Amino acid sequence: MEIRNITAADMPALLALNNAEAERVNALTPAALEGLLSHAFAARMTTDGQAFLIAFDHASPPQGPNHAWFTARESYFAYVDRVVVAPGARGKGVARALYDDLTRIAKSEMTNLLVCEVNLDPPNPESLAFHEKLGFTACGEAVDRRNGKRVQYMRKPI
């Protein structure tokens, strides 16, 4: 599976993919997606367009309360803002490949910690199990006042 940087030409298709999974990752407008990409530490996708990952790091300006939670507590990290995999591509190692790619990028920048949040309410048991299988552990919880979702914060040293 090949992974590459997201380009401006990819934005319409990735916006549609993201918004089809809005309950899991929150809907975006074209301007919001452009804003995320402009601050991203890593913005990567599979070459077939079936999955993508956007991550920020400790040096990115806080991109919402979940990223800000980590910036207040960790010195160096790569924060997975969203990873979206099309339903037909799930269970085939696509998300793992994106995380492996992010790990490689983070290590090349001397960053040794991956962090993220997973929805607890509404529940996302698949994501929670996936992150636990990758070695992420819980490190906090919060309610996102923007949308009322309860999230679990997770971290994984790399």
N, C-alpha and C. Protein backbone atom coordinates (compact mmCIF):
# COMPACT_ATOMS: atom_id res chain seq x y z
N MET A 1 0.85 -1.17 0.00
CA MET A 1 0.00 0.00 0.00
C MET A 1 0.90 1.24 0.00
N GLU A 2 0.58 2.15 -0.87
CA GLU A 2 1.37 3.37 -0.96
C GLU A 2 0.66 4.51 -0.25
N ILE A 3 1.46 5.35 0.39
CA ILE A 3 0.95 6.50 1.13
C ILE A 3 1.70 7.72 0.65
N ARG A 4 0.98 8.82 0.49
CA ARG A 4 1.59 10.05 0.00
C ARG A 4 0.99 11.26 0.71
N ASN A 5 1.59 12.42 0.48
CA ASN A 5 1.05 13.66 1.04
C ASN A 5 -0.27 14.01 0.38
N ILE A 6 -1.16 14.62 1.14
CA ILE A 6 -2.42 15.14 0.62
C ILE A 6 -2.12 16.42 -0.15
N THR A 7 -2.77 16.58 -1.31
CA THR A 7 -2.63 17.80 -2.10
C THR A 7 -3.97 18.51 -2.19
N ALA A 8 -3.95 19.74 -2.67
CA ALA A 8 -5.19 20.51 -2.83
C ALA A 8 -6.18 19.79 -3.73
N ALA A 9 -5.70 19.09 -4.73
CA ALA A 9 -6.58 18.36 -5.64
C ALA A 9 -7.34 17.23 -4.95
N ASP A 10 -6.82 16.74 -3.84
CA ASP A 10 -7.45 15.64 -3.10
C ASP A 10 -8.59 16.12 -2.20
N MET A 11 -8.64 17.41 -1.93
CA MET A 11 -9.55 17.92 -0.90
C MET A 11 -11.02 17.57 -1.13
N PRO A 12 -11.60 17.71 -2.32
CA PRO A 12 -13.03 17.37 -2.45
C PRO A 12 -13.34 15.93 -2.09
N ALA A 13 -12.54 14.99 -2.56
CA ALA A 13 -12.80 13.58 -2.26
C ALA A 13 -12.59 13.27 -0.78
N LEU A 14 -11.56 13.86 -0.18
CA LEU A 14 -11.30 13.60 1.23
C LEU A 14 -12.35 14.26 2.12
N LEU A 15 -12.85 15.41 1.70
CA LEU A 15 -13.93 16.06 2.45
C LEU A 15 -15.18 15.17 2.44
N ALA A 16 -15.50 14.61 1.30
CA ALA A 16 -16.66 13.71 1.22
C ALA A 16 -16.45 12.48 2.09
N LEU A 17 -15.25 11.89 2.05
CA LEU A 17 -14.95 10.73 2.88
C LEU A 17 -15.05 11.09 4.35
N ASN A 18 -14.47 12.22 4.75
CA ASN A 18 -14.54 12.67 6.14
C ASN A 18 -15.99 12.85 6.59
N ASN A 19 -16.77 13.55 5.80
CA ASN A 19 -18.13 13.88 6.22
C ASN A 19 -19.07 12.69 6.21
N ALA A 20 -18.72 11.65 5.46
CA ALA A 20 -19.49 10.40 5.52
C ALA A 20 -19.28 9.71 6.88
N GLU A 21 -18.19 10.06 7.57
CA GLU A 21 -17.86 9.48 8.87
C GLU A 21 -17.95 10.53 9.98
N ALA A 22 -18.82 11.52 9.80
CA ALA A 22 -18.88 12.67 10.72
C ALA A 22 -19.15 12.29 12.17
N GLU A 23 -19.91 11.26 12.41
CA GLU A 23 -20.18 10.88 13.81
C GLU A 23 -18.90 10.46 14.52
N ARG A 24 -17.98 9.87 13.78
CA ARG A 24 -16.73 9.40 14.37
C ARG A 24 -15.67 10.50 14.44
N VAL A 25 -15.63 11.39 13.44
CA VAL A 25 -14.52 12.35 13.35
C VAL A 25 -14.95 13.82 13.25
N ASN A 26 -16.20 14.12 13.26
CA ASN A 26 -16.74 15.48 13.12
C ASN A 26 -16.69 15.95 11.67
N ALA A 27 -17.78 16.53 11.24
CA ALA A 27 -17.89 17.05 9.87
C ALA A 27 -16.98 18.26 9.70
N LEU A 28 -16.58 18.48 8.47
CA LEU A 28 -15.76 19.64 8.12
C LEU A 28 -16.36 20.37 6.93
N THR A 29 -16.12 21.65 6.88
CA THR A 29 -16.41 22.44 5.68
C THR A 29 -15.13 22.45 4.84
N PRO A 30 -15.23 22.86 3.58
CA PRO A 30 -13.99 22.97 2.79
C PRO A 30 -12.97 23.90 3.46
N ALA A 31 -13.43 25.03 4.00
CA ALA A 31 -12.50 25.97 4.65
C ALA A 31 -11.87 25.35 5.90
N ALA A 32 -12.65 24.58 6.67
CA ALA A 32 -12.10 23.94 7.87
C ALA A 32 -11.05 22.90 7.51
N LEU A 33 -11.31 22.11 6.46
CA LEU A 33 -10.31 21.13 6.03
C LEU A 33 -9.05 21.84 5.55
N GLU A 34 -9.20 22.90 4.80
CA GLU A 34 -8.04 23.66 4.35
C GLU A 34 -7.25 24.20 5.54
N GLY A 35 -7.95 24.68 6.57
CA GLY A 35 -7.28 25.17 7.77
C GLY A 35 -6.51 24.08 8.48
N LEU A 36 -7.10 22.89 8.60
CA LEU A 36 -6.40 21.77 9.24
C LEU A 36 -5.13 21.43 8.47
N LEU A 37 -5.26 21.37 7.17
CA LEU A 37 -4.11 21.00 6.34
C LEU A 37 -3.00 22.05 6.43
N SER A 38 -3.39 23.31 6.58
CA SER A 38 -2.38 24.38 6.63
C SER A 38 -1.54 24.33 7.91
N HIS A 39 -2.05 23.70 8.97
CA HIS A 39 -1.33 23.60 10.24
C HIS A 39 -0.80 22.20 10.51
N ALA A 40 -1.01 21.28 9.58
CA ALA A 40 -0.69 19.88 9.83
C ALA A 40 0.81 19.62 9.93
N PHE A 41 1.16 18.77 10.85
CA PHE A 41 2.50 18.20 10.97
C PHE A 41 2.65 17.13 9.89
N ALA A 42 1.58 16.36 9.68
CA ALA A 42 1.54 15.33 8.64
C ALA A 42 0.12 15.27 8.10
N ALA A 43 -0.01 15.25 6.79
CA ALA A 43 -1.31 15.12 6.12
C ALA A 43 -1.10 14.09 5.02
N ARG A 44 -1.48 12.85 5.30
CA ARG A 44 -1.12 11.73 4.45
C ARG A 44 -2.37 10.94 4.04
N MET A 45 -2.29 10.32 2.89
CA MET A 45 -3.41 9.52 2.38
C MET A 45 -2.89 8.33 1.60
N THR A 46 -3.75 7.34 1.47
CA THR A 46 -3.41 6.22 0.60
C THR A 46 -3.58 6.67 -0.84
N THR A 47 -2.78 6.12 -1.73
CA THR A 47 -2.84 6.55 -3.13
C THR A 47 -4.17 6.20 -3.79
N ASP A 48 -4.90 5.24 -3.23
CA ASP A 48 -6.21 4.89 -3.80
C ASP A 48 -7.33 5.79 -3.27
N GLY A 49 -7.00 6.70 -2.35
CA GLY A 49 -8.00 7.65 -1.83
C GLY A 49 -8.97 7.05 -0.84
N GLN A 50 -8.71 5.85 -0.35
CA GLN A 50 -9.63 5.18 0.56
C GLN A 50 -9.41 5.52 2.03
N ALA A 51 -8.34 6.26 2.33
CA ALA A 51 -8.06 6.58 3.73
C ALA A 51 -7.11 7.77 3.81
N PHE A 52 -7.22 8.49 4.93
CA PHE A 52 -6.28 9.59 5.17
C PHE A 52 -6.10 9.81 6.65
N LEU A 53 -5.01 10.52 6.97
CA LEU A 53 -4.67 10.86 8.35
C LEU A 53 -4.15 12.29 8.37
N ILE A 54 -4.62 13.06 9.36
CA ILE A 54 -4.11 14.41 9.59
C ILE A 54 -3.61 14.46 11.02
N ALA A 55 -2.38 14.93 11.19
CA ALA A 55 -1.77 15.01 12.52
C ALA A 55 -1.15 16.38 12.72
N PHE A 56 -1.18 16.83 13.96
CA PHE A 56 -0.49 18.05 14.38
C PHE A 56 0.62 17.64 15.33
N ASP A 57 1.47 18.58 15.66
CA ASP A 57 2.48 18.28 16.66
C ASP A 57 2.45 19.33 17.76
N HIS A 58 3.42 19.23 18.64
CA HIS A 58 3.51 20.13 19.79
C HIS A 58 3.74 21.57 19.37
N ALA A 59 4.28 21.81 18.20
CA ALA A 59 4.58 23.17 17.74
C ALA A 59 3.41 23.80 16.98
N SER A 60 2.42 22.99 16.59
CA SER A 60 1.25 23.53 15.89
C SER A 60 0.43 24.37 16.85
N PRO A 61 -0.13 25.49 16.39
CA PRO A 61 -1.06 26.22 17.26
C PRO A 61 -2.21 25.30 17.64
N PRO A 62 -2.73 25.38 18.86
CA PRO A 62 -3.81 24.47 19.26
C PRO A 62 -4.96 24.46 18.25
N GLN A 63 -5.30 23.27 17.82
CA GLN A 63 -6.34 23.06 16.82
C GLN A 63 -7.57 22.45 17.49
N GLY A 64 -8.13 23.17 18.43
CA GLY A 64 -9.29 22.68 19.15
C GLY A 64 -8.93 22.21 20.54
N PRO A 65 -9.94 21.91 21.35
CA PRO A 65 -9.69 21.56 22.75
C PRO A 65 -8.93 20.26 22.97
N ASN A 66 -9.08 19.30 22.07
CA ASN A 66 -8.38 18.03 22.27
C ASN A 66 -6.88 18.17 22.01
N HIS A 67 -6.51 18.83 20.96
CA HIS A 67 -5.09 19.11 20.70
C HIS A 67 -4.54 19.99 21.82
N ALA A 68 -5.31 20.99 22.25
CA ALA A 68 -4.86 21.88 23.32
C ALA A 68 -4.63 21.10 24.62
N TRP A 69 -5.44 20.08 24.88
CA TRP A 69 -5.26 19.27 26.09
C TRP A 69 -3.86 18.67 26.12
N PHE A 70 -3.40 18.19 24.98
CA PHE A 70 -2.06 17.60 24.93
C PHE A 70 -0.97 18.67 24.96
N THR A 71 -1.19 19.81 24.31
CA THR A 71 -0.16 20.85 24.33
C THR A 71 0.08 21.36 25.76
N ALA A 72 -0.95 21.28 26.61
CA ALA A 72 -0.81 21.71 28.00
C ALA A 72 -0.09 20.67 28.86
N ARG A 73 0.06 19.44 28.36
CA ARG A 73 0.59 18.36 29.19
C ARG A 73 1.84 17.67 28.67
N GLU A 74 2.12 17.79 27.40
CA GLU A 74 3.25 17.07 26.80
C GLU A 74 4.17 18.05 26.09
N SER A 75 5.45 17.79 26.14
CA SER A 75 6.43 18.68 25.50
C SER A 75 6.57 18.41 24.01
N TYR A 76 6.69 17.15 23.63
CA TYR A 76 6.90 16.77 22.24
C TYR A 76 5.95 15.63 21.90
N PHE A 77 5.21 15.78 20.83
CA PHE A 77 4.27 14.74 20.43
C PHE A 77 3.80 14.96 19.01
N ALA A 78 3.24 13.91 18.44
CA ALA A 78 2.48 13.97 17.19
C ALA A 78 1.06 13.56 17.56
N TYR A 79 0.11 14.45 17.30
CA TYR A 79 -1.30 14.27 17.67
C TYR A 79 -2.11 13.90 16.44
N VAL A 80 -2.74 12.74 16.49
CA VAL A 80 -3.61 12.31 15.39
C VAL A 80 -4.95 13.00 15.55
N ASP A 81 -5.20 13.98 14.69
CA ASP A 81 -6.48 14.70 14.73
C ASP A 81 -7.59 13.84 14.15
N ARG A 82 -7.30 13.17 13.07
CA ARG A 82 -8.30 12.29 12.46
C ARG A 82 -7.61 11.28 11.56
N VAL A 83 -8.15 10.10 11.58
CA VAL A 83 -7.81 9.06 10.61
C VAL A 83 -9.14 8.51 10.13
N VAL A 84 -9.33 8.54 8.83
CA VAL A 84 -10.60 8.12 8.24
C VAL A 84 -10.31 7.05 7.20
N VAL A 85 -11.03 5.93 7.32
CA VAL A 85 -10.88 4.82 6.38
C VAL A 85 -12.26 4.50 5.82
N ALA A 86 -12.36 4.45 4.51
CA ALA A 86 -13.64 4.11 3.86
C ALA A 86 -14.10 2.74 4.32
N PRO A 87 -15.41 2.55 4.47
CA PRO A 87 -15.91 1.26 4.96
C PRO A 87 -15.36 0.05 4.22
N GLY A 88 -15.25 0.12 2.91
CA GLY A 88 -14.76 -1.02 2.14
C GLY A 88 -13.29 -1.34 2.33
N ALA A 89 -12.56 -0.42 2.93
CA ALA A 89 -11.12 -0.62 3.15
C ALA A 89 -10.80 -1.01 4.59
N ARG A 90 -11.79 -1.07 5.45
CA ARG A 90 -11.55 -1.38 6.86
C ARG A 90 -11.17 -2.85 7.05
N GLY A 91 -10.37 -3.08 8.09
CA GLY A 91 -9.97 -4.44 8.41
C GLY A 91 -8.88 -4.99 7.51
N LYS A 92 -8.25 -4.12 6.72
CA LYS A 92 -7.23 -4.56 5.77
C LYS A 92 -5.86 -3.98 6.08
N GLY A 93 -5.69 -3.41 7.28
CA GLY A 93 -4.40 -2.88 7.67
C GLY A 93 -4.12 -1.47 7.20
N VAL A 94 -5.13 -0.80 6.66
CA VAL A 94 -4.94 0.55 6.11
C VAL A 94 -4.63 1.55 7.22
N ALA A 95 -5.42 1.55 8.29
CA ALA A 95 -5.18 2.49 9.39
C ALA A 95 -3.83 2.22 10.03
N ARG A 96 -3.49 0.97 10.21
CA ARG A 96 -2.18 0.61 10.78
C ARG A 96 -1.06 1.15 9.89
N ALA A 97 -1.21 1.04 8.58
CA ALA A 97 -0.19 1.55 7.66
C ALA A 97 -0.05 3.06 7.79
N LEU A 98 -1.17 3.77 7.95
CA LEU A 98 -1.11 5.22 8.14
C LEU A 98 -0.42 5.57 9.45
N TYR A 99 -0.70 4.83 10.52
CA TYR A 99 -0.03 5.06 11.80
C TYR A 99 1.45 4.73 11.72
N ASP A 100 1.80 3.67 11.01
CA ASP A 100 3.22 3.34 10.83
C ASP A 100 3.93 4.45 10.07
N ASP A 101 3.27 4.99 9.06
CA ASP A 101 3.82 6.10 8.29
C ASP A 101 4.02 7.32 9.19
N LEU A 102 3.03 7.64 10.01
CA LEU A 102 3.15 8.77 10.93
C LEU A 102 4.29 8.52 11.93
N THR A 103 4.42 7.31 12.41
CA THR A 103 5.49 6.98 13.34
C THR A 103 6.85 7.25 12.70
N ARG A 104 7.01 6.85 11.45
CA ARG A 104 8.26 7.10 10.73
C ARG A 104 8.54 8.60 10.63
N ILE A 105 7.52 9.38 10.29
CA ILE A 105 7.68 10.83 10.17
C ILE A 105 8.03 11.44 11.52
N ALA A 106 7.31 11.03 12.56
CA ALA A 106 7.55 11.56 13.90
C ALA A 106 8.98 11.26 14.36
N LYS A 107 9.42 10.02 14.18
CA LYS A 107 10.78 9.66 14.59
C LYS A 107 11.82 10.47 13.82
N SER A 108 11.56 10.74 12.54
CA SER A 108 12.52 11.52 11.75
C SER A 108 12.63 12.96 12.26
N GLU A 109 11.60 13.41 12.98
CA GLU A 109 11.59 14.76 13.57
C GLU A 109 11.93 14.73 15.06
N MET A 110 12.44 13.57 15.52
CA MET A 110 12.86 13.41 16.92
C MET A 110 11.68 13.52 17.89
N THR A 111 10.51 13.13 17.45
CA THR A 111 9.31 13.11 18.28
C THR A 111 9.04 11.66 18.65
N ASN A 112 8.91 11.38 19.95
CA ASN A 112 8.80 9.99 20.37
C ASN A 112 7.49 9.66 21.09
N LEU A 113 6.45 10.41 20.78
CA LEU A 113 5.16 10.16 21.41
C LEU A 113 4.03 10.43 20.42
N LEU A 114 3.13 9.45 20.26
CA LEU A 114 1.90 9.64 19.50
C LEU A 114 0.76 9.80 20.49
N VAL A 115 -0.16 10.71 20.20
CA VAL A 115 -1.32 10.94 21.05
C VAL A 115 -2.56 11.09 20.18
N CYS A 116 -3.71 10.86 20.79
CA CYS A 116 -4.98 10.98 20.07
C CYS A 116 -6.13 11.01 21.08
N GLU A 117 -7.33 11.14 20.58
CA GLU A 117 -8.52 10.92 21.40
C GLU A 117 -9.45 10.01 20.65
N VAL A 118 -10.24 9.26 21.41
CA VAL A 118 -11.22 8.33 20.85
C VAL A 118 -12.56 8.63 21.50
N ASN A 119 -13.62 8.65 20.71
CA ASN A 119 -14.95 8.92 21.25
C ASN A 119 -15.40 7.79 22.18
N LEU A 120 -15.84 8.19 23.38
CA LEU A 120 -16.50 7.27 24.30
C LEU A 120 -18.01 7.41 24.22
N ASP A 121 -18.47 8.64 23.91
CA ASP A 121 -19.91 8.91 23.78
C ASP A 121 -20.09 9.99 22.72
N PRO A 122 -20.57 9.68 21.52
CA PRO A 122 -21.06 8.35 21.16
C PRO A 122 -19.90 7.36 21.08
N PRO A 123 -20.17 6.11 21.43
CA PRO A 123 -19.10 5.13 21.52
C PRO A 123 -18.51 4.78 20.16
N ASN A 124 -17.21 4.54 20.17
CA ASN A 124 -16.50 4.09 18.98
C ASN A 124 -15.60 2.92 19.42
N PRO A 125 -16.22 1.77 19.74
CA PRO A 125 -15.45 0.64 20.27
C PRO A 125 -14.40 0.11 19.30
N GLU A 126 -14.66 0.22 17.99
CA GLU A 126 -13.68 -0.26 17.02
C GLU A 126 -12.39 0.56 17.12
N SER A 127 -12.53 1.88 17.22
CA SER A 127 -11.36 2.73 17.32
C SER A 127 -10.63 2.50 18.63
N LEU A 128 -11.37 2.36 19.71
CA LEU A 128 -10.76 2.11 21.01
C LEU A 128 -9.95 0.81 20.97
N ALA A 129 -10.53 -0.25 20.44
CA ALA A 129 -9.84 -1.53 20.35
C ALA A 129 -8.61 -1.43 19.44
N PHE A 130 -8.74 -0.72 18.33
CA PHE A 130 -7.62 -0.53 17.41
C PHE A 130 -6.46 0.16 18.11
N HIS A 131 -6.74 1.25 18.80
CA HIS A 131 -5.67 2.00 19.46
C HIS A 131 -5.03 1.18 20.59
N GLU A 132 -5.84 0.46 21.33
CA GLU A 132 -5.29 -0.39 22.39
C GLU A 132 -4.40 -1.47 21.80
N LYS A 133 -4.80 -2.05 20.67
CA LYS A 133 -4.00 -3.09 20.00
C LYS A 133 -2.66 -2.52 19.54
N LEU A 134 -2.65 -1.24 19.15
CA LEU A 134 -1.40 -0.60 18.73
C LEU A 134 -0.52 -0.21 19.90
N GLY A 135 -1.04 -0.33 21.13
CA GLY A 135 -0.24 -0.02 22.30
C GLY A 135 -0.53 1.33 22.93
N PHE A 136 -1.59 1.99 22.50
CA PHE A 136 -1.99 3.25 23.14
C PHE A 136 -2.63 2.94 24.49
N THR A 137 -2.41 3.82 25.45
CA THR A 137 -3.04 3.68 26.77
C THR A 137 -3.77 4.97 27.12
N ALA A 138 -4.81 4.82 27.93
CA ALA A 138 -5.62 5.97 28.35
C ALA A 138 -4.80 6.89 29.24
N CYS A 139 -5.01 8.20 29.07
CA CYS A 139 -4.30 9.17 29.92
C CYS A 139 -5.21 10.32 30.35
N GLY A 140 -6.51 10.25 30.05
CA GLY A 140 -7.45 11.28 30.47
C GLY A 140 -8.76 11.19 29.71
N GLU A 141 -9.73 11.99 30.16
CA GLU A 141 -11.04 12.07 29.50
C GLU A 141 -11.52 13.50 29.55
N ALA A 142 -12.42 13.83 28.63
CA ALA A 142 -13.03 15.16 28.61
C ALA A 142 -14.30 15.11 27.79
N VAL A 143 -15.10 16.17 27.92
CA VAL A 143 -16.26 16.37 27.07
C VAL A 143 -15.95 17.57 26.19
N ASP A 144 -16.09 17.37 24.89
CA ASP A 144 -15.86 18.45 23.93
C ASP A 144 -17.08 19.36 23.94
N ARG A 145 -16.90 20.57 24.44
CA ARG A 145 -18.03 21.49 24.57
C ARG A 145 -18.60 21.92 23.22
N ARG A 146 -17.85 21.76 22.16
CA ARG A 146 -18.35 22.14 20.83
C ARG A 146 -19.46 21.23 20.36
N ASN A 147 -19.41 19.94 20.76
CA ASN A 147 -20.37 18.99 20.22
C ASN A 147 -20.91 18.01 21.26
N GLY A 148 -20.47 18.09 22.50
CA GLY A 148 -20.96 17.23 23.56
C GLY A 148 -20.39 15.83 23.58
N LYS A 149 -19.45 15.54 22.69
CA LYS A 149 -18.86 14.20 22.67
C LYS A 149 -17.89 14.03 23.83
N ARG A 150 -17.99 12.86 24.47
CA ARG A 150 -17.05 12.51 25.53
C ARG A 150 -15.93 11.69 24.89
N VAL A 151 -14.69 12.09 25.18
CA VAL A 151 -13.54 11.45 24.55
C VAL A 151 -12.58 10.91 25.60
N GLN A 152 -11.84 9.92 25.19
CA GLN A 152 -10.74 9.39 26.00
C GLN A 152 -9.45 9.79 25.31
N TYR A 153 -8.54 10.40 26.05
CA TYR A 153 -7.23 10.73 25.54
C TYR A 153 -6.32 9.54 25.68
N MET A 154 -5.48 9.33 24.65
CA MET A 154 -4.61 8.16 24.63
C MET A 154 -3.21 8.58 24.18
N ARG A 155 -2.22 7.82 24.64
CA ARG A 155 -0.83 8.11 24.29
C ARG A 155 -0.08 6.81 24.04
N LYS A 156 0.97 6.92 23.21
CA LYS A 156 1.81 5.77 22.93
C LYS A 156 3.23 6.26 22.68
N PRO A 157 4.16 5.92 23.58
CA PRO A 157 5.57 6.23 23.29
C PRO A 157 6.04 5.42 22.08
N ILE A 158 6.87 6.04 21.26
CA ILE A 158 7.40 5.33 20.08
C ILE A 158 8.92 5.37 20.09
